[in-house]
Amino acid sequence: MRIFAAIANARAVLSVNLTKQVWMRDNSAMTLTDLRYIIALAREHHFGRAAEKCNVSQPTLSVAVKKLEEELGVALFERGIGDVRVTAIGEQIVAQAAQTLAEAARVTELAQAGKDPLAGALRLGVIYTIAPYLLPALVPRVKAAAPKMPLIISEGFTHLLIERLKAAELDVLILALPVSEPGLVVQPVYDEAFRALVPATHPWVKLKSIAPSQLLGEPLLMLGAGNCFRDQVLDLCAHSGSAESPGMQLLEGSSLETIRHMVASGVGITVMPTSSVDTIAKSDRLLKVRPFDEPTPTRRIGLVWRSSFPRHKAIDVMRKALLDSDLPGTRRAG
């Protein structure tokens, strides 16, 4: 009965809620694939990139979007040279399309959960500053606990992963918290300490620990905009009591690994999560790691999934694997 209810709900969302915004013809051939196309185009702002994300040719996607606009009788997108923008009515329809896809996906999810929640792929999203250091420990543990549940893994920025989760393109996320979104469940799992990473010849090497305020007097390497870890480091500086320092020099790197090599070359210092440096730096003669003064700054890592996601045992397996991974500098969230 739950499956039939989900089907009815998906149909109601598609045929009723969309008509609140536009008049639909009786012979409309709108499909869930069409909805995936407009969601991808709204996200990428480019026909070529959207087509690549959907694994179709650009002409196929362009024709489908144009046909859908003709059926609905409204323009969903403004086409410019090298850029595509969503119209006002398009934003509402794209949002409704994401809800429709989520409801439709729930039909399959309910059926899968009814058979074996630990059988079938689990689509996992992980942010860039966690994935390279956690996955080598996490994947074998998930494989051992649920051998019939392969992981399809996507890396990305927090806000993009959340969009994909809400559109049912992903099943569960591993993110730095806090996350507050309607319809999503958030479960803290562990806390991870921050470290200062400096060149081996830096004067701080002689110190047992570093005060956050000391960061303001050094060239500080950081990730670019869009990375939540960048925001957390900026918050650390802002709460040091001297964040208004006019002499603060910020430099950017594209990834934590790139930044690590830049620090080794002597460009500046940086702040890293412990999982990315506590083991690597011990064998690197060009780098030294120093803890921060107590209370040690940390970030909280957790799992995020849709409240409607029925494979609860899969979530339990993921949480246990996260805790068993026991990354350096981490402790179970209290």
C-alpha atoms as a PDB file:
ATOM      1  CA  MET A   1       0.000   0.000   0.000  1.00  0.00           C
ATOM      2  CA  ARG A   2       2.870   2.393   0.711  1.00  0.00           C
ATOM      3  CA  ILE A   3       4.166   1.949  -2.847  1.00  0.00           C
ATOM      4  CA  PHE A   4       0.747   2.732  -4.359  1.00  0.00           C
ATOM      5  CA  ALA A   5       0.457   5.780  -2.116  1.00  0.00           C
ATOM      6  CA  ALA A   6       3.859   7.011  -3.292  1.00  0.00           C
ATOM      7  CA  ILE A   7       2.839   6.533  -6.928  1.00  0.00           C
ATOM      8  CA  ALA A   8      -0.351   8.474  -6.347  1.00  0.00           C
ATOM      9  CA  ASN A   9       1.588  11.217  -4.586  1.00  0.00           C
ATOM     10  CA  ALA A  10       4.078  11.505  -7.463  1.00  0.00           C
ATOM     11  CA  ARG A  11       1.276  11.694  -9.993  1.00  0.00           C
ATOM     12  CA  ALA A  12      -0.533  14.311  -7.948  1.00  0.00           C
ATOM     13  CA  VAL A  13       2.576  16.463  -7.698  1.00  0.00           C
ATOM     14  CA  LEU A  14       3.143  16.250 -11.452  1.00  0.00           C
ATOM     15  CA  SER A  15      -0.419  16.763 -12.688  1.00  0.00           C
ATOM     16  CA  VAL A  16      -1.861  19.087 -10.042  1.00  0.00           C
ATOM     17  CA  ASN A  17       0.868  21.232  -8.524  1.00  0.00           C
ATOM     18  CA  LEU A  18       2.420  22.207 -11.850  1.00  0.00           C
ATOM     19  CA  THR A  19      -0.958  23.401 -13.112  1.00  0.00           C
ATOM     20  CA  LYS A  20      -0.977  25.965 -10.332  1.00  0.00           C
ATOM     21  CA  GLN A  21       1.701  27.782 -12.313  1.00  0.00           C
ATOM     22  CA  VAL A  22       0.850  27.038 -15.960  1.00  0.00           C
ATOM     23  CA  TRP A  23      -1.993  25.707 -18.130  1.00  0.00           C
ATOM     24  CA  MET A  24      -1.175  22.242 -19.496  1.00  0.00           C
ATOM     25  CA  ARG A  25      -2.702  20.728 -22.603  1.00  0.00           C
ATOM     26  CA  ASP A  26      -4.508  17.412 -22.318  1.00  0.00           C
ATOM     27  CA  ASN A  27      -2.087  15.727 -24.725  1.00  0.00           C
ATOM     28  CA  SER A  28       1.105  16.834 -22.910  1.00  0.00           C
ATOM     29  CA  ALA A  29       3.910  14.308 -23.268  1.00  0.00           C
ATOM     30  CA  MET A  30       5.925  15.586 -20.296  1.00  0.00           C
ATOM     31  CA  THR A  31       8.162  12.892 -18.818  1.00  0.00           C
ATOM     32  CA  LEU A  32      10.385  12.566 -15.778  1.00  0.00           C
ATOM     33  CA  THR A  33      13.335  12.732 -18.161  1.00  0.00           C
ATOM     34  CA  ASP A  34      12.160  16.172 -19.311  1.00  0.00           C
ATOM     35  CA  LEU A  35      12.126  17.282 -15.689  1.00  0.00           C
ATOM     36  CA  ARG A  36      15.672  16.014 -15.191  1.00  0.00           C
ATOM     37  CA  TYR A  37      16.752  18.032 -18.226  1.00  0.00           C
ATOM     38  CA  ILE A  38      15.361  21.343 -16.954  1.00  0.00           C
ATOM     39  CA  ILE A  39      16.777  20.755 -13.468  1.00  0.00           C
ATOM     40  CA  ALA A  40      20.233  20.116 -14.928  1.00  0.00           C
ATOM     41  CA  LEU A  41      19.994  23.170 -17.198  1.00  0.00           C
ATOM     42  CA  ALA A  42      18.899  25.386 -14.310  1.00  0.00           C
ATOM     43  CA  ARG A  43      21.857  24.141 -12.290  1.00  0.00           C
ATOM     44  CA  GLU A  44      24.529  24.369 -14.997  1.00  0.00           C
ATOM     45  CA  HIS A  45      23.333  27.524 -16.881  1.00  0.00           C
ATOM     46  CA  HIS A  46      24.743  25.948 -20.038  1.00  0.00           C
ATOM     47  CA  PHE A  47      23.224  23.502 -22.541  1.00  0.00           C
ATOM     48  CA  GLY A  48      26.466  21.638 -23.163  1.00  0.00           C
ATOM     49  CA  ARG A  49      27.272  21.057 -19.498  1.00  0.00           C
ATOM     50  CA  ALA A  50      23.667  20.134 -18.708  1.00  0.00           C
ATOM     51  CA  ALA A  51      23.655  17.590 -21.544  1.00  0.00           C
ATOM     52  CA  GLU A  52      26.907  16.106 -20.259  1.00  0.00           C
ATOM     53  CA  LYS A  53      25.432  15.742 -16.758  1.00  0.00           C
ATOM     54  CA  CYS A  54      22.390  13.979 -18.251  1.00  0.00           C
ATOM     55  CA  ASN A  55      24.531  11.738 -20.504  1.00  0.00           C
ATOM     56  CA  VAL A  56      22.786  12.905 -23.689  1.00  0.00           C
ATOM     57  CA  SER A  57      23.798  15.004 -26.685  1.00  0.00           C
ATOM     58  CA  GLN A  58      23.303  18.774 -26.545  1.00  0.00           C
ATOM     59  CA  PRO A  59      20.760  18.749 -29.424  1.00  0.00           C
ATOM     60  CA  THR A  60      18.707  16.099 -27.628  1.00  0.00           C
ATOM     61  CA  LEU A  61      18.505  18.163 -24.472  1.00  0.00           C
ATOM     62  CA  SER A  62      17.866  21.426 -26.346  1.00  0.00           C
ATOM     63  CA  VAL A  63      15.009  19.952 -28.356  1.00  0.00           C
ATOM     64  CA  ALA A  64      13.430  18.380 -25.275  1.00  0.00           C
ATOM     65  CA  VAL A  65      13.563  21.636 -23.295  1.00  0.00           C
ATOM     66  CA  LYS A  66      12.127  23.630 -26.181  1.00  0.00           C
ATOM     67  CA  LYS A  67       9.319  21.102 -26.655  1.00  0.00           C
ATOM     68  CA  LEU A  68       8.479  21.230 -22.955  1.00  0.00           C
ATOM     69  CA  GLU A  69       8.308  25.033 -23.057  1.00  0.00           C
ATOM     70  CA  GLU A  70       5.933  24.814 -26.021  1.00  0.00           C
ATOM     71  CA  GLU A  71       3.733  22.321 -24.203  1.00  0.00           C
ATOM     72  CA  LEU A  72       3.599  24.459 -21.072  1.00  0.00           C
ATOM     73  CA  GLY A  73       3.127  27.666 -23.020  1.00  0.00           C
ATOM     74  CA  VAL A  74       5.803  29.582 -21.099  1.00  0.00           C
ATOM     75  CA  ALA A  75       9.525  30.275 -21.414  1.00  0.00           C
ATOM     76  CA  LEU A  76      11.462  28.482 -18.692  1.00  0.00           C
ATOM     77  CA  PHE A  77      14.868  29.870 -19.709  1.00  0.00           C
ATOM     78  CA  GLU A  78      16.391  33.009 -21.185  1.00  0.00           C
ATOM     79  CA  ARG A  79      19.013  32.112 -23.791  1.00  0.00           C
ATOM     80  CA  GLY A  80      22.072  34.333 -24.054  1.00  0.00           C
ATOM     81  CA  ILE A  81      25.469  33.974 -25.705  1.00  0.00           C
ATOM     82  CA  GLY A  82      27.230  31.321 -23.654  1.00  0.00           C
ATOM     83  CA  ASP A  83      24.763  31.618 -20.781  1.00  0.00           C
ATOM     84  CA  VAL A  84      21.299  30.368 -19.864  1.00  0.00           C
ATOM     85  CA  ARG A  85      19.186  31.944 -17.126  1.00  0.00           C
ATOM     86  CA  VAL A  86      16.035  30.620 -15.502  1.00  0.00           C
ATOM     87  CA  THR A  87      12.942  32.821 -15.826  1.00  0.00           C
ATOM     88  CA  ALA A  88      10.808  33.684 -12.807  1.00  0.00           C
ATOM     89  CA  ILE A  89       8.148  31.121 -13.712  1.00  0.00           C
ATOM     90  CA  GLY A  90      10.934  28.709 -14.652  1.00  0.00           C
ATOM     91  CA  GLU A  91      12.360  28.857 -11.117  1.00  0.00           C
ATOM     92  CA  GLN A  92       9.001  27.793  -9.693  1.00  0.00           C
ATOM     93  CA  ILE A  93       8.586  24.974 -12.195  1.00  0.00           C
ATOM     94  CA  VAL A  94      12.144  23.712 -11.716  1.00  0.00           C
ATOM     95  CA  ALA A  95      11.607  23.631  -7.949  1.00  0.00           C
ATOM     96  CA  GLN A  96       8.388  21.674  -8.450  1.00  0.00           C
ATOM     97  CA  ALA A  97      10.140  19.365 -10.897  1.00  0.00           C
ATOM     98  CA  ALA A  98      12.737  18.508  -8.243  1.00  0.00           C
ATOM     99  CA  GLN A  99       9.952  17.635  -5.807  1.00  0.00           C
ATOM    100  CA  THR A 100       8.244  15.512  -8.457  1.00  0.00           C
ATOM    101  CA  LEU A 101      11.426  13.535  -9.168  1.00  0.00           C
ATOM    102  CA  ALA A 102      11.945  12.967  -5.451  1.00  0.00           C
ATOM    103  CA  GLU A 103       8.423  11.587  -5.114  1.00  0.00           C
ATOM    104  CA  ALA A 104       8.838   9.378  -8.169  1.00  0.00           C
ATOM    105  CA  ALA A 105      12.162   8.052  -6.873  1.00  0.00           C
ATOM    106  CA  ARG A 106      10.482   7.106  -3.627  1.00  0.00           C
ATOM    107  CA  VAL A 107       8.482   4.436  -5.498  1.00  0.00           C
ATOM    108  CA  THR A 108      11.686   2.583  -6.353  1.00  0.00           C
ATOM    109  CA  GLU A 109      13.154   3.236  -2.913  1.00  0.00           C
ATOM    110  CA  LEU A 110      10.118   1.778  -1.152  1.00  0.00           C
ATOM    111  CA  ALA A 111      10.184  -1.302  -3.362  1.00  0.00           C
ATOM    112  CA  GLN A 112      13.925  -1.755  -2.740  1.00  0.00           C
ATOM    113  CA  ALA A 113      13.518  -1.342   1.020  1.00  0.00           C
ATOM    114  CA  GLY A 114      10.737  -3.906   0.980  1.00  0.00           C
ATOM    115  CA  LYS A 115      13.070  -6.489  -0.541  1.00  0.00           C
ATOM    116  CA  ASP A 116      16.461  -5.841   1.055  1.00  0.00           C
ATOM    117  CA  PRO A 117      17.586  -2.367   2.176  1.00  0.00           C
ATOM    118  CA  LEU A 118      21.217  -3.492   1.942  1.00  0.00           C
ATOM    119  CA  ALA A 119      20.916  -4.706  -1.653  1.00  0.00           C
ATOM    120  CA  GLY A 120      21.329  -2.309  -4.554  1.00  0.00           C
ATOM    121  CA  ALA A 121      23.563   0.709  -5.057  1.00  0.00           C
ATOM    122  CA  LEU A 122      23.667   3.528  -2.522  1.00  0.00           C
ATOM    123  CA  ARG A 123      24.326   6.947  -4.065  1.00  0.00           C
ATOM    124  CA  LEU A 124      26.699   8.769  -1.731  1.00  0.00           C
ATOM    125  CA  GLY A 125      27.688  12.445  -1.869  1.00  0.00           C
ATOM    126  CA  VAL A 126      30.820  13.683  -0.051  1.00  0.00           C
ATOM    127  CA  ILE A 127      32.344  17.159   0.122  1.00  0.00           C
ATOM    128  CA  TYR A 128      35.802  17.707  -1.341  1.00  0.00           C
ATOM    129  CA  THR A 129      37.604  18.232   1.972  1.00  0.00           C
ATOM    130  CA  ILE A 130      36.438  14.879   3.361  1.00  0.00           C
ATOM    131  CA  ALA A 131      36.341  12.442   0.430  1.00  0.00           C
ATOM    132  CA  PRO A 132      40.081  11.834  -0.293  1.00  0.00           C
ATOM    133  CA  TYR A 133      40.891  11.104   3.357  1.00  0.00           C
ATOM    134  CA  LEU A 134      37.765   9.273   4.516  1.00  0.00           C
ATOM    135  CA  LEU A 135      36.885   7.082   1.535  1.00  0.00           C
ATOM    136  CA  PRO A 136      39.953   4.774   1.676  1.00  0.00           C
ATOM    137  CA  ALA A 137      38.900   3.773   5.194  1.00  0.00           C
ATOM    138  CA  LEU A 138      35.125   3.958   4.685  1.00  0.00           C
ATOM    139  CA  VAL A 139      34.590   1.984   1.471  1.00  0.00           C
ATOM    140  CA  PRO A 140      36.147  -1.325   2.666  1.00  0.00           C
ATOM    141  CA  ARG A 141      34.074  -1.200   5.847  1.00  0.00           C
ATOM    142  CA  VAL A 142      30.827  -0.600   3.962  1.00  0.00           C
ATOM    143  CA  LYS A 143      31.764  -3.380   1.543  1.00  0.00           C
ATOM    144  CA  ALA A 144      32.349  -5.806   4.402  1.00  0.00           C
ATOM    145  CA  ALA A 145      29.084  -4.921   6.165  1.00  0.00           C
ATOM    146  CA  ALA A 146      26.891  -4.757   3.037  1.00  0.00           C
ATOM    147  CA  PRO A 147      28.552  -6.642   0.153  1.00  0.00           C
ATOM    148  CA  LYS A 148      25.462  -6.303  -2.061  1.00  0.00           C
ATOM    149  CA  MET A 149      25.343  -2.495  -1.647  1.00  0.00           C
ATOM    150  CA  PRO A 150      27.939  -0.861  -3.938  1.00  0.00           C
ATOM    151  CA  LEU A 151      28.585   2.844  -3.457  1.00  0.00           C
ATOM    152  CA  ILE A 152      28.130   5.296  -6.318  1.00  0.00           C
ATOM    153  CA  ILE A 153      30.147   8.257  -5.058  1.00  0.00           C
ATOM    154  CA  SER A 154      29.947  11.924  -6.054  1.00  0.00           C
ATOM    155  CA  GLU A 155      32.169  14.708  -4.715  1.00  0.00           C
ATOM    156  CA  GLY A 156      30.972  18.298  -4.661  1.00  0.00           C
ATOM    157  CA  PHE A 157      30.302  21.517  -2.823  1.00  0.00           C
ATOM    158  CA  THR A 158      27.816  21.361   0.040  1.00  0.00           C
ATOM    159  CA  HIS A 159      25.044  23.395  -1.592  1.00  0.00           C
ATOM    160  CA  LEU A 160      25.206  21.428  -4.848  1.00  0.00           C
ATOM    161  CA  LEU A 161      25.157  18.080  -3.075  1.00  0.00           C
ATOM    162  CA  ILE A 162      22.120  19.166  -1.072  1.00  0.00           C
ATOM    163  CA  GLU A 163      20.330  20.168  -4.280  1.00  0.00           C
ATOM    164  CA  ARG A 164      21.029  16.737  -5.741  1.00  0.00           C
ATOM    165  CA  LEU A 165      19.892  15.030  -2.555  1.00  0.00           C
ATOM    166  CA  LYS A 166      16.585  16.912  -2.561  1.00  0.00           C
ATOM    167  CA  ALA A 167      16.090  16.003  -6.233  1.00  0.00           C
ATOM    168  CA  ALA A 168      16.642  12.314  -5.347  1.00  0.00           C
ATOM    169  CA  GLU A 169      19.820  12.129  -7.443  1.00  0.00           C
ATOM    170  CA  LEU A 170      21.718  11.134  -4.280  1.00  0.00           C
ATOM    171  CA  ASP A 171      20.624   9.048  -1.291  1.00  0.00           C
ATOM    172  CA  VAL A 172      22.859  10.200   1.567  1.00  0.00           C
ATOM    173  CA  LEU A 173      25.532  12.853   2.092  1.00  0.00           C
ATOM    174  CA  ILE A 174      28.597  13.177   4.297  1.00  0.00           C
ATOM    175  CA  LEU A 175      28.966  16.874   5.089  1.00  0.00           C
ATOM    176  CA  ALA A 176      30.393  19.355   7.534  1.00  0.00           C
ATOM    177  CA  LEU A 177      27.545  20.593   9.717  1.00  0.00           C
ATOM    178  CA  PRO A 178      25.412  22.525  10.436  1.00  0.00           C
ATOM    179  CA  VAL A 179      22.863  21.813   7.722  1.00  0.00           C
ATOM    180  CA  SER A 180      19.299  23.008   8.075  1.00  0.00           C
ATOM    181  CA  GLU A 181      16.938  22.195   5.225  1.00  0.00           C
ATOM    182  CA  PRO A 182      13.250  21.229   5.342  1.00  0.00           C
ATOM    183  CA  GLY A 183      12.640  17.594   4.519  1.00  0.00           C
ATOM    184  CA  LEU A 184      16.194  16.495   5.409  1.00  0.00           C
ATOM    185  CA  VAL A 185      17.434  14.494   8.397  1.00  0.00           C
ATOM    186  CA  VAL A 186      20.804  15.445   9.893  1.00  0.00           C
ATOM    187  CA  GLN A 187      22.760  13.058  12.135  1.00  0.00           C
ATOM    188  CA  PRO A 188      26.085  14.243  13.654  1.00  0.00           C
ATOM    189  CA  VAL A 189      28.712  11.477  13.632  1.00  0.00           C
ATOM    190  CA  TYR A 190      32.145  12.794  14.631  1.00  0.00           C
ATOM    191  CA  ASP A 191      34.110  15.953  15.407  1.00  0.00           C
ATOM    192  CA  GLU A 192      37.420  16.645  13.690  1.00  0.00           C
ATOM    193  CA  ALA A 193      40.136  18.945  15.034  1.00  0.00           C
ATOM    194  CA  PHE A 194      41.930  21.621  12.980  1.00  0.00           C
ATOM    195  CA  ARG A 195      45.699  21.819  12.630  1.00  0.00           C
ATOM    196  CA  ALA A 196      48.148  24.506  11.539  1.00  0.00           C
ATOM    197  CA  LEU A 197      50.365  23.340   8.686  1.00  0.00           C
ATOM    198  CA  VAL A 198      53.625  25.246   8.250  1.00  0.00           C
ATOM    199  CA  PRO A 199      56.932  24.921   6.347  1.00  0.00           C
ATOM    200  CA  ALA A 200      59.538  22.901   8.245  1.00  0.00           C
ATOM    201  CA  THR A 201      61.724  26.032   8.535  1.00  0.00           C
ATOM    202  CA  HIS A 202      58.959  28.228   9.997  1.00  0.00           C
ATOM    203  CA  PRO A 203      59.509  29.717  13.499  1.00  0.00           C
ATOM    204  CA  TRP A 204      56.234  28.124  14.685  1.00  0.00           C
ATOM    205  CA  VAL A 205      57.921  24.723  14.512  1.00  0.00           C
ATOM    206  CA  LYS A 206      59.453  25.530  17.905  1.00  0.00           C
ATOM    207  CA  LEU A 207      56.017  26.109  19.456  1.00  0.00           C
ATOM    208  CA  LYS A 208      53.968  23.362  21.094  1.00  0.00           C
ATOM    209  CA  SER A 209      50.677  24.912  19.944  1.00  0.00           C
ATOM    210  CA  ILE A 210      49.361  27.856  17.939  1.00  0.00           C
ATOM    211  CA  ALA A 211      46.853  30.546  18.926  1.00  0.00           C
ATOM    212  CA  PRO A 212      44.244  31.261  16.212  1.00  0.00           C
ATOM    213  CA  SER A 213      45.103  34.957  16.395  1.00  0.00           C
ATOM    214  CA  GLN A 214      48.605  34.165  15.097  1.00  0.00           C
ATOM    215  CA  LEU A 215      47.091  33.218  11.731  1.00  0.00           C
ATOM    216  CA  LEU A 216      46.357  36.867  11.036  1.00  0.00           C
ATOM    217  CA  GLY A 217      50.008  37.834  10.826  1.00  0.00           C
ATOM    218  CA  GLU A 218      50.995  35.272   8.187  1.00  0.00           C
ATOM    219  CA  PRO A 219      50.237  34.681   4.485  1.00  0.00           C
ATOM    220  CA  LEU A 220      47.278  32.303   4.885  1.00  0.00           C
ATOM    221  CA  LEU A 221      46.475  29.780   2.164  1.00  0.00           C
ATOM    222  CA  MET A 222      42.801  28.937   1.827  1.00  0.00           C
ATOM    223  CA  LEU A 223      40.363  27.173  -0.470  1.00  0.00           C
ATOM    224  CA  GLY A 224      38.336  29.235  -2.916  1.00  0.00           C
ATOM    225  CA  ALA A 225      34.794  30.505  -2.466  1.00  0.00           C
ATOM    226  CA  GLY A 226      32.138  27.796  -2.281  1.00  0.00           C
ATOM    227  CA  ASN A 227      34.107  25.512   0.033  1.00  0.00           C
ATOM    228  CA  CYS A 228      32.570  25.236   3.473  1.00  0.00           C
ATOM    229  CA  PHE A 229      35.992  24.595   5.025  1.00  0.00           C
ATOM    230  CA  ARG A 230      37.096  28.032   3.814  1.00  0.00           C
ATOM    231  CA  ASP A 231      34.140  29.556   5.680  1.00  0.00           C
ATOM    232  CA  GLN A 232      35.046  27.620   8.823  1.00  0.00           C
ATOM    233  CA  VAL A 233      38.630  28.903   8.731  1.00  0.00           C
ATOM    234  CA  LEU A 234      37.397  32.462   8.214  1.00  0.00           C
ATOM    235  CA  ASP A 235      35.104  32.013  11.219  1.00  0.00           C
ATOM    236  CA  LEU A 236      38.101  30.826  13.216  1.00  0.00           C
ATOM    237  CA  CYS A 237      39.970  34.003  12.284  1.00  0.00           C
ATOM    238  CA  ALA A 238      36.926  36.190  12.973  1.00  0.00           C
ATOM    239  CA  HIS A 239      36.606  34.788  16.514  1.00  0.00           C
ATOM    240  CA  SER A 240      40.287  35.233  17.291  1.00  0.00           C
ATOM    241  CA  GLY A 241      39.677  38.787  18.486  1.00  0.00           C
ATOM    242  CA  SER A 242      41.692  40.497  15.744  1.00  0.00           C
ATOM    243  CA  ALA A 243      39.890  39.619  12.520  1.00  0.00           C
ATOM    244  CA  GLU A 244      39.805  43.256  11.492  1.00  0.00           C
ATOM    245  CA  SER A 245      43.572  43.190  10.970  1.00  0.00           C
ATOM    246  CA  PRO A 246      44.253  45.186   7.770  1.00  0.00           C
ATOM    247  CA  GLY A 247      47.489  43.286   7.136  1.00  0.00           C
ATOM    248  CA  MET A 248      45.852  39.877   6.757  1.00  0.00           C
ATOM    249  CA  GLN A 249      47.059  38.272   3.511  1.00  0.00           C
ATOM    250  CA  LEU A 250      44.896  35.553   1.947  1.00  0.00           C
ATOM    251  CA  LEU A 251      46.066  33.291  -0.854  1.00  0.00           C
ATOM    252  CA  GLU A 252      43.959  30.643  -2.593  1.00  0.00           C
ATOM    253  CA  GLY A 253      44.509  27.061  -3.672  1.00  0.00           C
ATOM    254  CA  SER A 254      42.155  24.791  -5.605  1.00  0.00           C
ATOM    255  CA  SER A 255      42.300  21.821  -3.202  1.00  0.00           C
ATOM    256  CA  LEU A 256      43.726  20.827   0.160  1.00  0.00           C
ATOM    257  CA  GLU A 257      46.421  18.773  -1.568  1.00  0.00           C
ATOM    258  CA  THR A 258      47.440  21.718  -3.753  1.00  0.00           C
ATOM    259  CA  ILE A 259      47.578  23.961  -0.701  1.00  0.00           C
ATOM    260  CA  ARG A 260      49.708  21.415   1.143  1.00  0.00           C
ATOM    261  CA  HIS A 261      52.297  21.507  -1.656  1.00  0.00           C
ATOM    262  CA  MET A 262      52.220  25.311  -1.703  1.00  0.00           C
ATOM    263  CA  VAL A 263      52.952  25.398   2.024  1.00  0.00           C
ATOM    264  CA  ALA A 264      55.834  22.968   1.475  1.00  0.00           C
ATOM    265  CA  SER A 265      57.253  25.358  -1.109  1.00  0.00           C
ATOM    266  CA  GLY A 266      57.257  28.178   1.465  1.00  0.00           C
ATOM    267  CA  VAL A 267      54.404  30.347   0.121  1.00  0.00           C
ATOM    268  CA  GLY A 268      52.658  30.597   3.482  1.00  0.00           C
ATOM    269  CA  ILE A 269      50.858  28.634   6.196  1.00  0.00           C
ATOM    270  CA  THR A 270      47.406  27.072   6.284  1.00  0.00           C
ATOM    271  CA  VAL A 271      44.740  25.413   8.420  1.00  0.00           C
ATOM    272  CA  MET A 272      43.820  21.799   7.675  1.00  0.00           C
ATOM    273  CA  PRO A 273      41.483  19.155   9.086  1.00  0.00           C
ATOM    274  CA  THR A 274      43.492  16.526  10.932  1.00  0.00           C
ATOM    275  CA  SER A 275      42.526  13.698   8.581  1.00  0.00           C
ATOM    276  CA  SER A 276      44.370  15.445   5.741  1.00  0.00           C
ATOM    277  CA  VAL A 277      47.686  16.085   7.507  1.00  0.00           C
ATOM    278  CA  ASP A 278      48.286  14.018  10.645  1.00  0.00           C
ATOM    279  CA  THR A 279      49.578  10.995   8.752  1.00  0.00           C
ATOM    280  CA  ILE A 280      50.997  12.594   5.604  1.00  0.00           C
ATOM    281  CA  ALA A 281      53.089  15.279   7.280  1.00  0.00           C
ATOM    282  CA  LYS A 282      54.946  12.772   9.467  1.00  0.00           C
ATOM    283  CA  SER A 283      56.789  11.526   6.395  1.00  0.00           C
ATOM    284  CA  ASP A 284      57.167  14.924   4.708  1.00  0.00           C
ATOM    285  CA  ARG A 285      60.443  16.656   5.598  1.00  0.00           C
ATOM    286  CA  LEU A 286      59.216  19.975   4.194  1.00  0.00           C
ATOM    287  CA  LEU A 287      56.166  20.276   6.456  1.00  0.00           C
ATOM    288  CA  LYS A 288      55.328  20.426  10.139  1.00  0.00           C
ATOM    289  CA  VAL A 289      51.952  20.159  11.849  1.00  0.00           C
ATOM    290  CA  ARG A 290      51.092  22.064  14.999  1.00  0.00           C
ATOM    291  CA  PRO A 291      47.908  21.837  17.100  1.00  0.00           C
ATOM    292  CA  PHE A 292      45.956  24.887  18.161  1.00  0.00           C
ATOM    293  CA  ASP A 293      45.656  26.132  21.723  1.00  0.00           C
ATOM    294  CA  GLU A 294      42.787  24.715  23.750  1.00  0.00           C
ATOM    295  CA  PRO A 295      39.884  24.750  23.168  1.00  0.00           C
ATOM    296  CA  THR A 296      40.900  23.153  19.878  1.00  0.00           C
ATOM    297  CA  PRO A 297      38.838  24.408  16.926  1.00  0.00           C
ATOM    298  CA  THR A 298      36.908  21.599  15.260  1.00  0.00           C
ATOM    299  CA  ARG A 299      34.341  20.859  12.596  1.00  0.00           C
ATOM    300  CA  ARG A 300      31.421  18.459  13.049  1.00  0.00           C
ATOM    301  CA  ILE A 301      30.867  15.817  10.349  1.00  0.00           C
ATOM    302  CA  GLY A 302      27.522  14.136   9.854  1.00  0.00           C
ATOM    303  CA  LEU A 303      25.154  12.234   7.602  1.00  0.00           C
ATOM    304  CA  VAL A 304      22.280  13.928   5.768  1.00  0.00           C
ATOM    305  CA  TRP A 305      19.415  12.185   3.984  1.00  0.00           C
ATOM    306  CA  ARG A 306      15.813  12.792   2.940  1.00  0.00           C
ATOM    307  CA  SER A 307      13.267  12.190   5.688  1.00  0.00           C
ATOM    308  CA  SER A 308      11.331  10.022   3.222  1.00  0.00           C
ATOM    309  CA  PHE A 309      14.306   7.749   2.437  1.00  0.00           C
ATOM    310  CA  PRO A 310      13.191   4.252   3.520  1.00  0.00           C
ATOM    311  CA  ARG A 311      16.504   2.335   3.615  1.00  0.00           C
ATOM    312  CA  HIS A 312      17.212   2.971   7.284  1.00  0.00           C
ATOM    313  CA  LYS A 313      19.511  -0.034   7.599  1.00  0.00           C
ATOM    314  CA  ALA A 314      21.737   1.433   4.871  1.00  0.00           C
ATOM    315  CA  ILE A 315      22.055   4.630   6.915  1.00  0.00           C
ATOM    316  CA  ASP A 316      22.949   2.567   9.998  1.00  0.00           C
ATOM    317  CA  VAL A 317      25.686   0.753   8.056  1.00  0.00           C
ATOM    318  CA  MET A 318      27.079   4.062   6.813  1.00  0.00           C
ATOM    319  CA  ARG A 319      27.151   5.576  10.304  1.00  0.00           C
ATOM    320  CA  LYS A 320      28.930   2.559  11.815  1.00  0.00           C
ATOM    321  CA  ALA A 321      31.473   2.569   8.969  1.00  0.00           C
ATOM    322  CA  LEU A 322      32.136   6.265   9.571  1.00  0.00           C
ATOM    323  CA  LEU A 323      32.787   5.673  13.264  1.00  0.00           C
ATOM    324  CA  ASP A 324      34.887   2.567  12.652  1.00  0.00           C
ATOM    325  CA  SER A 325      37.067   4.480  10.175  1.00  0.00           C
ATOM    326  CA  ASP A 326      38.531   6.251  13.228  1.00  0.00           C
ATOM    327  CA  LEU A 327      40.354   8.990  11.340  1.00  0.00           C
ATOM    328  CA  PRO A 328      43.205  10.769  13.159  1.00  0.00           C
ATOM    329  CA  GLY A 329      42.154  13.749  15.254  1.00  0.00           C
ATOM    330  CA  THR A 330      38.479  12.740  15.348  1.00  0.00           C
ATOM    331  CA  ARG A 331      36.138  11.766  18.151  1.00  0.00           C
ATOM    332  CA  ARG A 332      32.525  10.622  18.281  1.00  0.00           C
ATOM    333  CA  ALA A 333      30.080  13.554  18.305  1.00  0.00           C
ATOM    334  CA  GLY A 334      28.576  14.030  21.734  1.00  0.00           C
END
